[in-house]
């Protein structure tokens, strides 16, 4: 019983460490000369609709860059940031639930 708890605790710590690393990578992404892509291209890359991509970006759940200061901002995305975001989301999905 104790060994199972230690194994489960180790798994949770490992997942937490990966999540923290992913979040730090998203925050500390170095500036590159990667071109920005339009929401349509980001949607194709993520296999989501354009509308969902924009909704997630506006909520701050998806890494995106608003362009302009008006009421209607244009959004642009970096595919490398979206790729890292996908990796982090996959780790979150692999995290064991607390209801066992």
C-alpha atoms as a PDB file:
ATOM      1  CA  UNK A   1       0.000   0.000   0.000  1.00  0.00           C
ATOM      2  CA  UNK A   2       2.770   2.452   0.925  1.00  0.00           C
ATOM      3  CA  UNK A   3       4.716   1.556  -2.216  1.00  0.00           C
ATOM      4  CA  UNK A   4       1.649   2.294  -4.362  1.00  0.00           C
ATOM      5  CA  UNK A   5       1.208   5.672  -2.663  1.00  0.00           C
ATOM      6  CA  UNK A   6       4.884   6.493  -3.195  1.00  0.00           C
ATOM      7  CA  UNK A   7       4.631   5.494  -6.872  1.00  0.00           C
ATOM      8  CA  UNK A   8       1.501   7.609  -7.320  1.00  0.00           C
ATOM      9  CA  UNK A   9       3.128  10.553  -5.538  1.00  0.00           C
ATOM     10  CA  UNK A  10       6.210  10.202  -7.741  1.00  0.00           C
ATOM     11  CA  UNK A  11       4.004  10.234 -10.842  1.00  0.00           C
ATOM     12  CA  UNK A  12       2.175  13.369  -9.677  1.00  0.00           C
ATOM     13  CA  UNK A  13       5.477  15.137  -8.926  1.00  0.00           C
ATOM     14  CA  UNK A  14       6.837  14.168 -12.354  1.00  0.00           C
ATOM     15  CA  UNK A  15       3.733  15.553 -14.091  1.00  0.00           C
ATOM     16  CA  UNK A  16       3.912  18.752 -12.018  1.00  0.00           C
ATOM     17  CA  UNK A  17       7.571  19.219 -12.963  1.00  0.00           C
ATOM     18  CA  UNK A  18       6.795  18.787 -16.668  1.00  0.00           C
ATOM     19  CA  UNK A  19       3.893  21.242 -16.407  1.00  0.00           C
ATOM     20  CA  UNK A  20       6.101  23.800 -14.677  1.00  0.00           C
ATOM     21  CA  UNK A  21       8.787  23.385 -17.347  1.00  0.00           C
ATOM     22  CA  UNK A  22       6.186  23.850 -20.090  1.00  0.00           C
ATOM     23  CA  UNK A  23       4.819  27.000 -18.471  1.00  0.00           C
ATOM     24  CA  UNK A  24       8.317  28.426 -18.037  1.00  0.00           C
ATOM     25  CA  UNK A  25       9.143  27.681 -21.678  1.00  0.00           C
ATOM     26  CA  UNK A  26       6.002  29.491 -22.802  1.00  0.00           C
ATOM     27  CA  UNK A  27       6.902  32.512 -20.676  1.00  0.00           C
ATOM     28  CA  UNK A  28      10.572  32.557 -21.658  1.00  0.00           C
ATOM     29  CA  UNK A  29      10.252  31.942 -25.373  1.00  0.00           C
ATOM     30  CA  UNK A  30      13.168  33.703 -27.026  1.00  0.00           C
ATOM     31  CA  UNK A  31      12.385  36.154 -29.767  1.00  0.00           C
ATOM     32  CA  UNK A  32      12.961  34.518 -33.113  1.00  0.00           C
ATOM     33  CA  UNK A  33      12.363  35.534 -36.674  1.00  0.00           C
ATOM     34  CA  UNK A  34       9.596  33.023 -37.091  1.00  0.00           C
ATOM     35  CA  UNK A  35       6.778  34.456 -39.185  1.00  0.00           C
ATOM     36  CA  UNK A  36       3.397  34.952 -37.610  1.00  0.00           C
ATOM     37  CA  UNK A  37       0.465  33.078 -39.090  1.00  0.00           C
ATOM     38  CA  UNK A  38      -3.187  34.027 -39.397  1.00  0.00           C
ATOM     39  CA  UNK A  39      -5.899  32.368 -37.283  1.00  0.00           C
ATOM     40  CA  UNK A  40      -6.906  30.190 -40.240  1.00  0.00           C
ATOM     41  CA  UNK A  41      -3.414  28.642 -40.427  1.00  0.00           C
ATOM     42  CA  UNK A  42      -3.292  28.221 -36.640  1.00  0.00           C
ATOM     43  CA  UNK A  43      -6.688  26.510 -36.767  1.00  0.00           C
ATOM     44  CA  UNK A  44      -5.447  24.100 -39.444  1.00  0.00           C
ATOM     45  CA  UNK A  45      -2.336  23.349 -37.375  1.00  0.00           C
ATOM     46  CA  UNK A  46      -4.386  22.636 -34.223  1.00  0.00           C
ATOM     47  CA  UNK A  47      -7.247  20.883 -36.054  1.00  0.00           C
ATOM     48  CA  UNK A  48      -9.703  23.365 -34.555  1.00  0.00           C
ATOM     49  CA  UNK A  49     -12.063  25.874 -36.058  1.00  0.00           C
ATOM     50  CA  UNK A  50     -10.945  29.462 -36.596  1.00  0.00           C
ATOM     51  CA  UNK A  51     -13.646  30.603 -34.193  1.00  0.00           C
ATOM     52  CA  UNK A  52     -12.373  28.294 -31.417  1.00  0.00           C
ATOM     53  CA  UNK A  53      -8.775  29.424 -31.921  1.00  0.00           C
ATOM     54  CA  UNK A  54      -9.791  33.078 -31.580  1.00  0.00           C
ATOM     55  CA  UNK A  55     -11.958  32.372 -28.530  1.00  0.00           C
ATOM     56  CA  UNK A  56      -9.107  30.531 -26.777  1.00  0.00           C
ATOM     57  CA  UNK A  57      -6.634  33.295 -27.637  1.00  0.00           C
ATOM     58  CA  UNK A  58      -8.938  36.046 -26.347  1.00  0.00           C
ATOM     59  CA  UNK A  59      -9.400  34.145 -23.057  1.00  0.00           C
ATOM     60  CA  UNK A  60      -5.641  33.765 -22.721  1.00  0.00           C
ATOM     61  CA  UNK A  61      -5.793  29.969 -22.946  1.00  0.00           C
ATOM     62  CA  UNK A  62      -3.875  29.837 -26.232  1.00  0.00           C
ATOM     63  CA  UNK A  63      -0.625  31.702 -26.960  1.00  0.00           C
ATOM     64  CA  UNK A  64      -1.420  34.430 -29.448  1.00  0.00           C
ATOM     65  CA  UNK A  65      -0.476  37.986 -30.270  1.00  0.00           C
ATOM     66  CA  UNK A  66      -3.140  40.669 -30.727  1.00  0.00           C
ATOM     67  CA  UNK A  67      -2.274  43.236 -33.368  1.00  0.00           C
ATOM     68  CA  UNK A  68      -3.767  46.718 -33.260  1.00  0.00           C
ATOM     69  CA  UNK A  69      -5.359  48.853 -30.597  1.00  0.00           C
ATOM     70  CA  UNK A  70      -8.878  49.188 -31.913  1.00  0.00           C
ATOM     71  CA  UNK A  71     -12.028  47.429 -30.860  1.00  0.00           C
ATOM     72  CA  UNK A  72     -11.436  44.698 -33.426  1.00  0.00           C
ATOM     73  CA  UNK A  73      -7.932  43.352 -32.948  1.00  0.00           C
ATOM     74  CA  UNK A  74      -6.322  40.997 -35.407  1.00  0.00           C
ATOM     75  CA  UNK A  75      -4.663  37.938 -33.927  1.00  0.00           C
ATOM     76  CA  UNK A  76      -1.464  36.312 -35.124  1.00  0.00           C
ATOM     77  CA  UNK A  77       0.177  33.113 -33.935  1.00  0.00           C
ATOM     78  CA  UNK A  78       3.601  31.421 -33.929  1.00  0.00           C
ATOM     79  CA  UNK A  79       3.446  27.753 -34.832  1.00  0.00           C
ATOM     80  CA  UNK A  80       6.333  26.940 -32.458  1.00  0.00           C
ATOM     81  CA  UNK A  81       4.398  28.436 -29.527  1.00  0.00           C
ATOM     82  CA  UNK A  82       1.300  26.490 -30.542  1.00  0.00           C
ATOM     83  CA  UNK A  83       3.356  23.301 -30.731  1.00  0.00           C
ATOM     84  CA  UNK A  84       4.710  23.822 -27.193  1.00  0.00           C
ATOM     85  CA  UNK A  85       1.194  24.629 -25.991  1.00  0.00           C
ATOM     86  CA  UNK A  86      -0.037  21.327 -27.452  1.00  0.00           C
ATOM     87  CA  UNK A  87       2.722  19.436 -25.646  1.00  0.00           C
ATOM     88  CA  UNK A  88       1.782  21.061 -22.352  1.00  0.00           C
ATOM     89  CA  UNK A  89      -1.905  20.324 -22.872  1.00  0.00           C
ATOM     90  CA  UNK A  90      -1.069  16.675 -23.563  1.00  0.00           C
ATOM     91  CA  UNK A  91       0.787  16.509 -20.244  1.00  0.00           C
ATOM     92  CA  UNK A  92      -2.220  17.981 -18.444  1.00  0.00           C
ATOM     93  CA  UNK A  93      -4.476  15.331 -20.006  1.00  0.00           C
ATOM     94  CA  UNK A  94      -2.107  12.564 -18.865  1.00  0.00           C
ATOM     95  CA  UNK A  95      -2.279  13.839 -15.289  1.00  0.00           C
ATOM     96  CA  UNK A  96      -4.059  11.344 -13.019  1.00  0.00           C
ATOM     97  CA  UNK A  97      -7.345  12.537 -11.596  1.00  0.00           C
ATOM     98  CA  UNK A  98      -7.829  12.742  -7.849  1.00  0.00           C
ATOM     99  CA  UNK A  99     -10.947  10.559  -7.896  1.00  0.00           C
ATOM    100  CA  UNK A 100      -9.450   7.066  -7.567  1.00  0.00           C
END
